Amino acid sequence: MATQNRVGPKRLVVGAHYGLRDWLAQRITAVVMAVYTVILLFWFFGAHNFSYEGWAGIFATQWMKLATFVALLCLFYHAWVGIRDIWMDYVKPMSLRLLLQVLTILWLIGCAGYAAQILWRV
């Protein structure tokens, strides 16, 4: 009895674990932001001076500036993955999708630069 080889529809395989990197990035950046929020809440509720000087004092230390900047970078990357997926899922014309992605990247880079400027001014 001869064995027949059945050939199904060809599928484009883009790589093993497609989407795993983005899924993992979303989870890791969310954890970093959650830990930062807990640290910030600890500092806020432990503060005795609820004025601008007290608030600026929290961010005066170098480690808090660095932690804040890392949390903001995580926020920007988290936003990039989410917004990029929205553009890819719902914007069908390739040229419009590319334009929106480029504008999103430029906006997020601008936000990161502005955040660094604000943090290291304190």
PDB file of N, CA and C in Angstrom:
ATOM      1  N   MET A   1       0.838  -1.166   0.000  1.00  0.00           N
ATOM      2  CA  MET A   1       0.000   0.000   0.000  1.00  0.00           C
ATOM      3  C   MET A   1       0.886   1.233   0.000  1.00  0.00           C
ATOM      4  N   ALA A   2       0.652   2.099  -0.913  1.00  0.00           N
ATOM      5  CA  ALA A   2       1.469   3.306  -1.038  1.00  0.00           C
ATOM      6  C   ALA A   2       0.965   4.374  -0.072  1.00  0.00           C
ATOM      7  N   THR A   3       1.895   5.091   0.487  1.00  0.00           N
ATOM      8  CA  THR A   3       1.558   6.174   1.412  1.00  0.00           C
ATOM      9  C   THR A   3       1.453   7.472   0.630  1.00  0.00           C
ATOM     10  N   GLN A   4       0.378   8.193   0.860  1.00  0.00           N
ATOM     11  CA  GLN A   4       0.200   9.469   0.180  1.00  0.00           C
ATOM     12  C   GLN A   4       0.709  10.595   1.074  1.00  0.00           C
ATOM     13  N   ASN A   5       1.420  11.500   0.469  1.00  0.00           N
ATOM     14  CA  ASN A   5       1.863  12.691   1.194  1.00  0.00           C
ATOM     15  C   ASN A   5       0.830  13.786   0.974  1.00  0.00           C
ATOM     16  N   ARG A   6       0.277  14.232   2.043  1.00  0.00           N
ATOM     17  CA  ARG A   6      -0.692  15.319   1.947  1.00  0.00           C
ATOM     18  C   ARG A   6       0.035  16.639   2.180  1.00  0.00           C
ATOM     19  N   VAL A   7      -0.139  17.511   1.276  1.00  0.00           N
ATOM     20  CA  VAL A   7       0.477  18.832   1.401  1.00  0.00           C
ATOM     21  C   VAL A   7      -0.641  19.819   1.670  1.00  0.00           C
ATOM     22  N   GLY A   8      -0.581  20.430   2.813  1.00  0.00           N
ATOM     23  CA  GLY A   8      -1.594  21.409   3.184  1.00  0.00           C
ATOM     24  C   GLY A   8      -1.218  22.786   2.664  1.00  0.00           C
ATOM     25  N   PRO A   9      -1.997  23.779   3.052  1.00  0.00           N
ATOM     26  CA  PRO A   9      -1.685  25.140   2.608  1.00  0.00           C
ATOM     27  C   PRO A   9      -0.343  25.589   3.195  1.00  0.00           C
ATOM     28  N   LYS A  10       0.387  26.310   2.368  1.00  0.00           N
ATOM     29  CA  LYS A  10       1.687  26.776   2.832  1.00  0.00           C
ATOM     30  C   LYS A  10       1.486  27.920   3.815  1.00  0.00           C
ATOM     31  N   ARG A  11       2.187  27.835   4.920  1.00  0.00           N
ATOM     32  CA  ARG A  11       2.127  28.885   5.925  1.00  0.00           C
ATOM     33  C   ARG A  11       3.484  29.553   6.014  1.00  0.00           C
ATOM     34  N   LEU A  12       3.455  30.842   6.203  1.00  0.00           N
ATOM     35  CA  LEU A  12       4.680  31.601   6.377  1.00  0.00           C
ATOM     36  C   LEU A  12       5.062  31.545   7.845  1.00  0.00           C
ATOM     37  N   VAL A  13       6.190  30.958   8.111  1.00  0.00           N
ATOM     38  CA  VAL A  13       6.664  30.861   9.490  1.00  0.00           C
ATOM     39  C   VAL A  13       7.704  31.950   9.687  1.00  0.00           C
ATOM     40  N   VAL A  14       7.432  32.853  10.608  1.00  0.00           N
ATOM     41  CA  VAL A  14       8.329  33.983  10.802  1.00  0.00           C
ATOM     42  C   VAL A  14       9.397  33.712  11.842  1.00  0.00           C
ATOM     43  N   GLY A  15       9.286  32.671  12.567  1.00  0.00           N
ATOM     44  CA  GLY A  15      10.302  32.355  13.558  1.00  0.00           C
ATOM     45  C   GLY A  15       9.679  31.667  14.745  1.00  0.00           C
ATOM     46  N   ALA A  16      10.520  30.998  15.471  1.00  0.00           N
ATOM     47  CA  ALA A  16      10.031  30.305  16.656  1.00  0.00           C
ATOM     48  C   ALA A  16       9.623  31.320  17.713  1.00  0.00           C
ATOM     49  N   HIS A  17       8.560  31.025  18.395  1.00  0.00           N
ATOM     50  CA  HIS A  17       8.070  31.847  19.506  1.00  0.00           C
ATOM     51  C   HIS A  17       7.755  33.265  19.059  1.00  0.00           C
ATOM     52  N   TYR A  18       7.138  33.404  17.904  1.00  0.00           N
ATOM     53  CA  TYR A  18       6.772  34.729  17.418  1.00  0.00           C
ATOM     54  C   TYR A  18       5.861  35.406  18.432  1.00  0.00           C
ATOM     55  N   GLY A  19       6.190  36.623  18.805  1.00  0.00           N
ATOM     56  CA  GLY A  19       5.388  37.364  19.773  1.00  0.00           C
ATOM     57  C   GLY A  19       5.836  37.184  21.204  1.00  0.00           C
ATOM     58  N   LEU A  20       6.656  36.184  21.471  1.00  0.00           N
ATOM     59  CA  LEU A  20       7.101  35.939  22.844  1.00  0.00           C
ATOM     60  C   LEU A  20       7.932  37.102  23.372  1.00  0.00           C
ATOM     61  N   ARG A  21       8.786  37.662  22.524  1.00  0.00           N
ATOM     62  CA  ARG A  21       9.644  38.762  22.959  1.00  0.00           C
ATOM     63  C   ARG A  21       8.807  39.972  23.372  1.00  0.00           C
ATOM     64  N   ASP A  22       7.795  40.299  22.581  1.00  0.00           N
ATOM     65  CA  ASP A  22       6.936  41.436  22.915  1.00  0.00           C
ATOM     66  C   ASP A  22       6.099  41.154  24.155  1.00  0.00           C
ATOM     67  N   TRP A  23       5.594  39.950  24.265  1.00  0.00           N
ATOM     68  CA  TRP A  23       4.808  39.565  25.443  1.00  0.00           C
ATOM     69  C   TRP A  23       5.673  39.670  26.699  1.00  0.00           C
ATOM     70  N   LEU A  24       6.894  39.161  26.609  1.00  0.00           N
ATOM     71  CA  LEU A  24       7.810  39.216  27.748  1.00  0.00           C
ATOM     72  C   LEU A  24       8.199  40.652  28.072  1.00  0.00           C
ATOM     73  N   ALA A  25       8.447  41.463  27.058  1.00  0.00           N
ATOM     74  CA  ALA A  25       8.799  42.875  27.272  1.00  0.00           C
ATOM     75  C   ALA A  25       7.660  43.607  27.977  1.00  0.00           C
ATOM     76  N   GLN A  26       6.425  43.329  27.595  1.00  0.00           N
ATOM     77  CA  GLN A  26       5.282  43.963  28.249  1.00  0.00           C
ATOM     78  C   GLN A  26       5.225  43.594  29.731  1.00  0.00           C
ATOM     79  N   ARG A  27       5.492  42.330  30.027  1.00  0.00           N
ATOM     80  CA  ARG A  27       5.426  41.880  31.430  1.00  0.00           C
ATOM     81  C   ARG A  27       6.575  42.449  32.246  1.00  0.00           C
ATOM     82  N   ILE A  28       7.777  42.444  31.694  1.00  0.00           N
ATOM     83  CA  ILE A  28       8.945  42.942  32.436  1.00  0.00           C
ATOM     84  C   ILE A  28       8.822  44.443  32.674  1.00  0.00           C
ATOM     85  N   THR A  29       8.450  45.192  31.653  1.00  0.00           N
ATOM     86  CA  THR A  29       8.313  46.632  31.847  1.00  0.00           C
ATOM     87  C   THR A  29       7.191  46.946  32.838  1.00  0.00           C
ATOM     88  N   ALA A  30       6.130  46.158  32.838  1.00  0.00           N
ATOM     89  CA  ALA A  30       5.044  46.363  33.799  1.00  0.00           C
ATOM     90  C   ALA A  30       5.526  46.105  35.222  1.00  0.00           C
ATOM     91  N   VAL A  31       6.343  45.088  35.409  1.00  0.00           N
ATOM     92  CA  VAL A  31       6.875  44.785  36.748  1.00  0.00           C
ATOM     93  C   VAL A  31       7.789  45.915  37.208  1.00  0.00           C
ATOM     94  N   VAL A  32       8.647  46.400  36.328  1.00  0.00           N
ATOM     95  CA  VAL A  32       9.545  47.509  36.694  1.00  0.00           C
ATOM     96  C   VAL A  32       8.732  48.732  37.099  1.00  0.00           C
ATOM     97  N   MET A  33       7.691  49.053  36.332  1.00  0.00           N
ATOM     98  CA  MET A  33       6.855  50.205  36.661  1.00  0.00           C
ATOM     99  C   MET A  33       6.100  50.001  37.972  1.00  0.00           C
ATOM    100  N   ALA A  34       5.666  48.781  38.242  1.00  0.00           N
ATOM    101  CA  ALA A  34       4.967  48.494  39.495  1.00  0.00           C
ATOM    102  C   ALA A  34       5.905  48.636  40.691  1.00  0.00           C
ATOM    103  N   VAL A  35       7.119  48.122  40.575  1.00  0.00           N
ATOM    104  CA  VAL A  35       8.106  48.250  41.664  1.00  0.00           C
ATOM    105  C   VAL A  35       8.427  49.725  41.884  1.00  0.00           C
ATOM    106  N   TYR A  36       8.613  50.470  40.814  1.00  0.00           N
ATOM    107  CA  TYR A  36       8.892  51.905  40.941  1.00  0.00           C
ATOM    108  C   TYR A  36       7.733  52.616  41.637  1.00  0.00           C
ATOM    109  N   THR A  37       6.509  52.262  41.293  1.00  0.00           N
ATOM    110  CA  THR A  37       5.342  52.879  41.915  1.00  0.00           C
ATOM    111  C   THR A  37       5.314  52.612  43.410  1.00  0.00           C
ATOM    112  N   VAL A  38       5.650  51.399  43.816  1.00  0.00           N
ATOM    113  CA  VAL A  38       5.701  51.064  45.246  1.00  0.00           C
ATOM    114  C   VAL A  38       6.770  51.908  45.947  1.00  0.00           C
ATOM    115  N   ILE A  39       7.936  52.039  45.327  1.00  0.00           N
ATOM    116  CA  ILE A  39       9.014  52.869  45.896  1.00  0.00           C
ATOM    117  C   ILE A  39       8.561  54.316  46.016  1.00  0.00           C
ATOM    118  N   LEU A  40       7.928  54.827  44.976  1.00  0.00           N
ATOM    119  CA  LEU A  40       7.463  56.205  44.990  1.00  0.00           C
ATOM    120  C   LEU A  40       6.388  56.422  46.059  1.00  0.00           C
ATOM    121  N   LEU A  41       5.477  55.477  46.187  1.00  0.00           N
ATOM    122  CA  LEU A  41       4.448  55.579  47.227  1.00  0.00           C
ATOM    123  C   LEU A  41       5.057  55.522  48.622  1.00  0.00           C
ATOM    124  N   PHE A  42       6.073  54.678  48.805  1.00  0.00           N
ATOM    125  CA  PHE A  42       6.778  54.603  50.084  1.00  0.00           C
ATOM    126  C   PHE A  42       7.389  55.959  50.440  1.00  0.00           C
ATOM    127  N   TRP A  43       8.073  56.561  49.475  1.00  0.00           N
ATOM    128  CA  TRP A  43       8.680  57.873  49.695  1.00  0.00           C
ATOM    129  C   TRP A  43       7.619  58.934  49.962  1.00  0.00           C
ATOM    130  N   PHE A  44       6.533  58.896  49.197  1.00  0.00           N
ATOM    131  CA  PHE A  44       5.489  59.906  49.325  1.00  0.00           C
ATOM    132  C   PHE A  44       4.802  59.838  50.684  1.00  0.00           C
ATOM    133  N   PHE A  45       4.399  58.641  51.094  1.00  0.00           N
ATOM    134  CA  PHE A  45       3.694  58.523  52.375  1.00  0.00           C
ATOM    135  C   PHE A  45       4.625  58.627  53.569  1.00  0.00           C
ATOM    136  N   GLY A  46       5.919  58.459  53.340  1.00  0.00           N
ATOM    137  CA  GLY A  46       6.889  58.639  54.413  1.00  0.00           C
ATOM    138  C   GLY A  46       7.376  60.062  54.543  1.00  0.00           C
ATOM    139  N   ALA A  47       6.985  60.910  53.600  1.00  0.00           N
ATOM    140  CA  ALA A  47       7.444  62.303  53.612  1.00  0.00           C
ATOM    141  C   ALA A  47       6.687  63.115  54.650  1.00  0.00           C
ATOM    142  N   HIS A  48       7.388  64.081  55.182  1.00  0.00           N
ATOM    143  CA  HIS A  48       6.777  64.972  56.167  1.00  0.00           C
ATOM    144  C   HIS A  48       6.553  66.365  55.581  1.00  0.00           C
ATOM    145  N   ASN A  49       7.198  66.627  54.465  1.00  0.00           N
ATOM    146  CA  ASN A  49       7.115  67.932  53.847  1.00  0.00           C
ATOM    147  C   ASN A  49       6.374  67.803  52.520  1.00  0.00           C
ATOM    148  N   PHE A  50       5.086  68.155  52.523  1.00  0.00           N
ATOM    149  CA  PHE A  50       4.276  68.035  51.315  1.00  0.00           C
ATOM    150  C   PHE A  50       4.265  69.347  50.539  1.00  0.00           C
ATOM    151  N   SER A  51       5.430  69.807  50.191  1.00  0.00           N
ATOM    152  CA  SER A  51       5.574  71.028  49.406  1.00  0.00           C
ATOM    153  C   SER A  51       6.419  70.707  48.175  1.00  0.00           C
ATOM    154  N   TYR A  52       6.639  71.722  47.371  1.00  0.00           N
ATOM    155  CA  TYR A  52       7.478  71.522  46.200  1.00  0.00           C
ATOM    156  C   TYR A  52       8.886  71.115  46.615  1.00  0.00           C
ATOM    157  N   GLU A  53       9.400  71.738  47.663  1.00  0.00           N
ATOM    158  CA  GLU A  53      10.752  71.423  48.130  1.00  0.00           C
ATOM    159  C   GLU A  53      10.847  69.965  48.588  1.00  0.00           C
ATOM    160  N   GLY A  54       9.813  69.493  49.272  1.00  0.00           N
ATOM    161  CA  GLY A  54       9.799  68.100  49.709  1.00  0.00           C
ATOM    162  C   GLY A  54       9.728  67.139  48.536  1.00  0.00           C
ATOM    163  N   TRP A  55       8.890  67.477  47.570  1.00  0.00           N
ATOM    164  CA  TRP A  55       8.747  66.639  46.379  1.00  0.00           C
ATOM    165  C   TRP A  55      10.038  66.650  45.571  1.00  0.00           C
ATOM    166  N   ALA A  56      10.639  67.828  45.403  1.00  0.00           N
ATOM    167  CA  ALA A  56      11.901  67.931  44.662  1.00  0.00           C
ATOM    168  C   ALA A  56      13.012  67.215  45.419  1.00  0.00           C
ATOM    169  N   GLY A  57      12.925  67.195  46.747  1.00  0.00           N
ATOM    170  CA  GLY A  57      13.930  66.504  47.557  1.00  0.00           C
ATOM    171  C   GLY A  57      13.961  65.008  47.305  1.00  0.00           C
ATOM    172  N   ILE A  58      12.803  64.441  47.006  1.00  0.00           N
ATOM    173  CA  ILE A  58      12.748  63.009  46.692  1.00  0.00           C
ATOM    174  C   ILE A  58      13.586  62.720  45.453  1.00  0.00           C
ATOM    175  N   PHE A  59      13.503  63.606  44.463  1.00  0.00           N
ATOM    176  CA  PHE A  59      14.195  63.378  43.196  1.00  0.00           C
ATOM    177  C   PHE A  59      15.589  64.000  43.147  1.00  0.00           C
ATOM    178  N   ALA A  60      16.049  64.540  44.269  1.00  0.00           N
ATOM    179  CA  ALA A  60      17.375  65.164  44.312  1.00  0.00           C
ATOM    180  C   ALA A  60      18.487  64.113  44.334  1.00  0.00           C
ATOM    181  N   THR A  61      18.200  62.942  44.879  1.00  0.00           N
ATOM    182  CA  THR A  61      19.237  61.905  44.943  1.00  0.00           C
ATOM    183  C   THR A  61      19.423  61.267  43.573  1.00  0.00           C
ATOM    184  N   GLN A  62      20.671  60.925  43.290  1.00  0.00           N
ATOM    185  CA  GLN A  62      21.008  60.387  41.967  1.00  0.00           C
ATOM    186  C   GLN A  62      20.311  59.058  41.697  1.00  0.00           C
ATOM    187  N   TRP A  63      20.201  58.187  42.721  1.00  0.00           N
ATOM    188  CA  TRP A  63      19.594  56.876  42.500  1.00  0.00           C
ATOM    189  C   TRP A  63      18.107  57.006  42.176  1.00  0.00           C
ATOM    190  N   MET A  64      17.433  58.018  42.766  1.00  0.00           N
ATOM    191  CA  MET A  64      16.001  58.200  42.479  1.00  0.00           C
ATOM    192  C   MET A  64      15.809  58.766  41.067  1.00  0.00           C
ATOM    193  N   LYS A  65      16.711  59.634  40.637  1.00  0.00           N
ATOM    194  CA  LYS A  65      16.643  60.124  39.260  1.00  0.00           C
ATOM    195  C   LYS A  65      16.816  58.966  38.284  1.00  0.00           C
ATOM    196  N   LEU A  66      17.790  58.116  38.567  1.00  0.00           N
ATOM    197  CA  LEU A  66      18.055  56.971  37.700  1.00  0.00           C
ATOM    198  C   LEU A  66      16.877  55.999  37.709  1.00  0.00           C
ATOM    199  N   ALA A  67      16.331  55.712  38.890  1.00  0.00           N
ATOM    200  CA  ALA A  67      15.178  54.809  38.985  1.00  0.00           C
ATOM    201  C   ALA A  67      13.978  55.387  38.236  1.00  0.00           C
ATOM    202  N   THR A  68      13.780  56.675  38.357  1.00  0.00           N
ATOM    203  CA  THR A  68      12.668  57.332  37.655  1.00  0.00           C
ATOM    204  C   THR A  68      12.871  57.258  36.155  1.00  0.00           C
ATOM    205  N   PHE A  69      14.100  57.505  35.704  1.00  0.00           N
ATOM    206  CA  PHE A  69      14.365  57.467  34.265  1.00  0.00           C
ATOM    207  C   PHE A  69      14.207  56.056  33.708  1.00  0.00           C
ATOM    208  N   VAL A  70      14.668  55.057  34.458  1.00  0.00           N
ATOM    209  CA  VAL A  70      14.493  53.663  34.025  1.00  0.00           C
ATOM    210  C   VAL A  70      13.003  53.321  33.949  1.00  0.00           C
ATOM    211  N   ALA A  71      12.227  53.751  34.951  1.00  0.00           N
ATOM    212  CA  ALA A  71      10.784  53.499  34.935  1.00  0.00           C
ATOM    213  C   ALA A  71      10.130  54.199  33.746  1.00  0.00           C
ATOM    214  N   LEU A  72      10.572  55.413  33.439  1.00  0.00           N
ATOM    215  CA  LEU A  72      10.009  56.126  32.292  1.00  0.00           C
ATOM    216  C   LEU A  72      10.393  55.451  30.977  1.00  0.00           C
ATOM    217  N   LEU A  73      11.636  54.978  30.857  1.00  0.00           N
ATOM    218  CA  LEU A  73      12.032  54.246  29.652  1.00  0.00           C
ATOM    219  C   LEU A  73      11.191  52.985  29.485  1.00  0.00           C
ATOM    220  N   CYS A  74      10.925  52.309  30.599  1.00  0.00           N
ATOM    221  CA  CYS A  74      10.055  51.124  30.554  1.00  0.00           C
ATOM    222  C   CYS A  74       8.647  51.518  30.111  1.00  0.00           C
ATOM    223  N   LEU A  75       8.163  52.650  30.613  1.00  0.00           N
ATOM    224  CA  LEU A  75       6.849  53.138  30.216  1.00  0.00           C
ATOM    225  C   LEU A  75       6.810  53.431  28.719  1.00  0.00           C
ATOM    226  N   PHE A  76       7.856  54.084  28.211  1.00  0.00           N
ATOM    227  CA  PHE A  76       7.890  54.416  26.789  1.00  0.00           C
ATOM    228  C   PHE A  76       7.974  53.161  25.925  1.00  0.00           C
ATOM    229  N   TYR A  77       8.761  52.177  26.329  1.00  0.00           N
ATOM    230  CA  TYR A  77       8.856  50.940  25.549  1.00  0.00           C
ATOM    231  C   TYR A  77       7.539  50.155  25.618  1.00  0.00           C
ATOM    232  N   HIS A  78       6.948  50.128  26.808  1.00  0.00           N
ATOM    233  CA  HIS A  78       5.659  49.469  27.013  1.00  0.00           C
ATOM    234  C   HIS A  78       4.610  50.109  26.090  1.00  0.00           C
ATOM    235  N   ALA A  79       4.608  51.430  26.049  1.00  0.00           N
ATOM    236  CA  ALA A  79       3.675  52.152  25.187  1.00  0.00           C
ATOM    237  C   ALA A  79       3.958  51.857  23.718  1.00  0.00           C
ATOM    238  N   TRP A  80       5.238  51.794  23.350  1.00  0.00           N
ATOM    239  CA  TRP A  80       5.594  51.530  21.958  1.00  0.00           C
ATOM    240  C   TRP A  80       5.048  50.181  21.501  1.00  0.00           C
ATOM    241  N   VAL A  81       5.256  49.146  22.300  1.00  0.00           N
ATOM    242  CA  VAL A  81       4.787  47.816  21.916  1.00  0.00           C
ATOM    243  C   VAL A  81       3.267  47.811  21.764  1.00  0.00           C
ATOM    244  N   GLY A  82       2.571  48.434  22.706  1.00  0.00           N
ATOM    245  CA  GLY A  82       1.112  48.461  22.636  1.00  0.00           C
ATOM    246  C   GLY A  82       0.584  49.264  21.472  1.00  0.00           C
ATOM    247  N   ILE A  83       1.130  50.455  21.271  1.00  0.00           N
ATOM    248  CA  ILE A  83       0.649  51.310  20.186  1.00  0.00           C
ATOM    249  C   ILE A  83       1.018  50.718  18.828  1.00  0.00           C
ATOM    250  N   ARG A  84       2.224  50.154  18.728  1.00  0.00           N
ATOM    251  CA  ARG A  84       2.629  49.521  17.466  1.00  0.00           C
ATOM    252  C   ARG A  84       1.673  48.386  17.099  1.00  0.00           C
ATOM    253  N   ASP A  85       1.278  47.599  18.100  1.00  0.00           N
ATOM    254  CA  ASP A  85       0.339  46.511  17.834  1.00  0.00           C
ATOM    255  C   ASP A  85      -1.021  47.042  17.390  1.00  0.00           C
ATOM    256  N   ILE A  86      -1.443  48.160  17.964  1.00  0.00           N
ATOM    257  CA  ILE A  86      -2.709  48.771  17.538  1.00  0.00           C
ATOM    258  C   ILE A  86      -2.606  49.218  16.091  1.00  0.00           C
ATOM    259  N   TRP A  87      -1.507  49.897  15.743  1.00  0.00           N
ATOM    260  CA  TRP A  87      -1.325  50.336  14.351  1.00  0.00           C
ATOM    261  C   TRP A  87      -1.315  49.126  13.410  1.00  0.00           C
ATOM    262  N   MET A  88      -0.608  48.058  13.794  1.00  0.00           N
ATOM    263  CA  MET A  88      -0.508  46.886  12.917  1.00  0.00           C
ATOM    264  C   MET A  88      -1.842  46.162  12.769  1.00  0.00           C
ATOM    265  N   ASP A  89      -2.646  46.163  13.824  1.00  0.00           N
ATOM    266  CA  ASP A  89      -3.919  45.437  13.777  1.00  0.00           C
ATOM    267  C   ASP A  89      -5.030  46.210  13.072  1.00  0.00           C
ATOM    268  N   TYR A  90      -5.058  47.524  13.226  1.00  0.00           N
ATOM    269  CA  TYR A  90      -6.222  48.275  12.781  1.00  0.00           C
ATOM    270  C   TYR A  90      -5.978  49.236  11.631  1.00  0.00           C
ATOM    271  N   VAL A  91      -4.724  49.537  11.308  1.00  0.00           N
ATOM    272  CA  VAL A  91      -4.452  50.438  10.186  1.00  0.00           C
ATOM    273  C   VAL A  91      -3.936  49.590   9.034  1.00  0.00           C
ATOM    274  N   LYS A  92      -4.761  49.408   8.027  1.00  0.00           N
ATOM    275  CA  LYS A  92      -4.423  48.495   6.933  1.00  0.00           C
ATOM    276  C   LYS A  92      -3.511  49.107   5.861  1.00  0.00           C
ATOM    277  N   PRO A  93      -3.689  50.366   5.451  1.00  0.00           N
ATOM    278  CA  PRO A  93      -2.779  50.908   4.428  1.00  0.00           C
ATOM    279  C   PRO A  93      -1.347  50.997   4.970  1.00  0.00           C
ATOM    280  N   MET A  94      -0.429  50.352   4.286  1.00  0.00           N
ATOM    281  CA  MET A  94       0.955  50.260   4.760  1.00  0.00           C
ATOM    282  C   MET A  94       1.598  51.631   4.933  1.00  0.00           C
ATOM    283  N   SER A  95       1.353  52.544   4.017  1.00  0.00           N
ATOM    284  CA  SER A  95       1.993  53.859   4.099  1.00  0.00           C
ATOM    285  C   SER A  95       1.496  54.645   5.318  1.00  0.00           C
ATOM    286  N   LEU A  96       0.206  54.581   5.598  1.00  0.00           N
ATOM    287  CA  LEU A  96      -0.346  55.268   6.769  1.00  0.00           C
ATOM    288  C   LEU A  96       0.167  54.628   8.051  1.00  0.00           C
ATOM    289  N   ARG A  97       0.236  53.302   8.073  1.00  0.00           N
ATOM    290  CA  ARG A  97       0.744  52.585   9.240  1.00  0.00           C
ATOM    291  C   ARG A  97       2.196  52.971   9.519  1.00  0.00           C
ATOM    292  N   LEU A  98       3.017  53.023   8.460  1.00  0.00           N
ATOM    293  CA  LEU A  98       4.418  53.404   8.614  1.00  0.00           C
ATOM    294  C   LEU A  98       4.534  54.837   9.130  1.00  0.00           C
ATOM    295  N   LEU A  99       3.733  55.742   8.585  1.00  0.00           N
ATOM    296  CA  LEU A  99       3.749  57.131   9.043  1.00  0.00           C
ATOM    297  C   LEU A  99       3.385  57.220  10.524  1.00  0.00           C
ATOM    298  N   LEU A 100       2.344  56.520  10.934  1.00  0.00           N
ATOM    299  CA  LEU A 100       1.921  56.539  12.334  1.00  0.00           C
ATOM    300  C   LEU A 100       2.993  55.940  13.248  1.00  0.00           C
ATOM    301  N   GLN A 101       3.642  54.887  12.796  1.00  0.00           N
ATOM    302  CA  GLN A 101       4.710  54.285  13.603  1.00  0.00           C
ATOM    303  C   GLN A 101       5.891  55.228  13.745  1.00  0.00           C
ATOM    304  N   VAL A 102       6.283  55.890  12.671  1.00  0.00           N
ATOM    305  CA  VAL A 102       7.397  56.840  12.733  1.00  0.00           C
ATOM    306  C   VAL A 102       7.041  58.006  13.654  1.00  0.00           C
ATOM    307  N   LEU A 103       5.830  58.544  13.531  1.00  0.00           N
ATOM    308  CA  LEU A 103       5.405  59.637  14.406  1.00  0.00           C
ATOM    309  C   LEU A 103       5.367  59.203  15.868  1.00  0.00           C
ATOM    310  N   THR A 104       4.933  57.978  16.114  1.00  0.00           N
ATOM    311  CA  THR A 104       4.909  57.450  17.478  1.00  0.00           C
ATOM    312  C   THR A 104       6.322  57.345  18.045  1.00  0.00           C
ATOM    313  N   ILE A 105       7.244  56.828  17.257  1.00  0.00           N
ATOM    314  CA  ILE A 105       8.636  56.705  17.706  1.00  0.00           C
ATOM    315  C   ILE A 105       9.220  58.080  18.016  1.00  0.00           C
ATOM    316  N   LEU A 106       9.005  59.035  17.114  1.00  0.00           N
ATOM    317  CA  LEU A 106       9.532  60.387  17.340  1.00  0.00           C
ATOM    318  C   LEU A 106       8.941  61.016  18.592  1.00  0.00           C
ATOM    319  N   TRP A 107       7.639  60.825  18.803  1.00  0.00           N
ATOM    320  CA  TRP A 107       6.982  61.365  19.983  1.00  0.00           C
ATOM    321  C   TRP A 107       7.546  60.736  21.265  1.00  0.00           C
ATOM    322  N   LEU A 108       7.739  59.411  21.263  1.00  0.00           N
ATOM    323  CA  LEU A 108       8.264  58.736  22.455  1.00  0.00           C
ATOM    324  C   LEU A 108       9.713  59.128  22.727  1.00  0.00           C
ATOM    325  N   ILE A 109      10.521  59.287  21.685  1.00  0.00           N
ATOM    326  CA  ILE A 109      11.904  59.749  21.875  1.00  0.00           C
ATOM    327  C   ILE A 109      11.907  61.170  22.432  1.00  0.00           C
ATOM    328  N   GLY A 110      11.027  62.017  21.911  1.00  0.00           N
ATOM    329  CA  GLY A 110      10.904  63.375  22.440  1.00  0.00           C
ATOM    330  C   GLY A 110      10.500  63.376  23.905  1.00  0.00           C
ATOM    331  N   CYS A 111       9.575  62.510  24.274  1.00  0.00           N
ATOM    332  CA  CYS A 111       9.166  62.397  25.679  1.00  0.00           C
ATOM    333  C   CYS A 111      10.328  61.948  26.559  1.00  0.00           C
ATOM    334  N   ALA A 112      11.116  61.004  26.074  1.00  0.00           N
ATOM    335  CA  ALA A 112      12.274  60.524  26.852  1.00  0.00           C
ATOM    336  C   ALA A 112      13.297  61.640  27.038  1.00  0.00           C
ATOM    337  N   GLY A 113      13.560  62.403  25.984  1.00  0.00           N
ATOM    338  CA  GLY A 113      14.491  63.523  26.100  1.00  0.00           C
ATOM    339  C   GLY A 113      13.989  64.581  27.058  1.00  0.00           C
ATOM    340  N   TYR A 114      12.713  64.893  26.984  1.00  0.00           N
ATOM    341  CA  TYR A 114      12.126  65.888  27.881  1.00  0.00           C
ATOM    342  C   TYR A 114      12.152  65.401  29.329  1.00  0.00           C
ATOM    343  N   ALA A 115      11.886  64.120  29.535  1.00  0.00           N
ATOM    344  CA  ALA A 115      11.925  63.546  30.889  1.00  0.00           C
ATOM    345  C   ALA A 115      13.333  63.633  31.472  1.00  0.00           C
ATOM    346  N   ALA A 116      14.341  63.320  30.660  1.00  0.00           N
ATOM    347  CA  ALA A 116      15.732  63.416  31.136  1.00  0.00           C
ATOM    348  C   ALA A 116      16.075  64.849  31.495  1.00  0.00           C
ATOM    349  N   GLN A 117      15.645  65.783  30.680  1.00  0.00           N
ATOM    350  CA  GLN A 117      15.908  67.203  30.943  1.00  0.00           C
ATOM    351  C   GLN A 117      15.262  67.634  32.257  1.00  0.00           C
ATOM    352  N   ILE A 118      14.038  67.225  32.488  1.00  0.00           N
ATOM    353  CA  ILE A 118      13.338  67.589  33.723  1.00  0.00           C
ATOM    354  C   ILE A 118      14.021  66.953  34.935  1.00  0.00           C
ATOM    355  N   LEU A 119      14.332  65.658  34.833  1.00  0.00           N
ATOM    356  CA  LEU A 119      14.899  64.951  35.980  1.00  0.00           C
ATOM    357  C   LEU A 119      16.253  65.513  36.404  1.00  0.00           C
ATOM    358  N   TRP A 120      17.095  65.815  35.459  1.00  0.00           N
ATOM    359  CA  TRP A 120      18.438  66.253  35.828  1.00  0.00           C
ATOM    360  C   TRP A 120      18.510  67.763  36.040  1.00  0.00           C
ATOM    361  N   ARG A 121      17.381  68.424  35.957  1.00  0.00           N
ATOM    362  CA  ARG A 121      17.314  69.834  36.321  1.00  0.00           C
ATOM    363  C   ARG A 121      17.049  70.002  37.808  1.00  0.00           C
ATOM    364  N   VAL A 122      16.435  69.003  38.412  1.00  0.00           N
ATOM    365  CA  VAL A 122      16.059  69.078  39.838  1.00  0.00           C
ATOM    366  C   VAL A 122      17.296  68.981  40.692  1.00  0.00           C
TER     367      VAL A 122
END
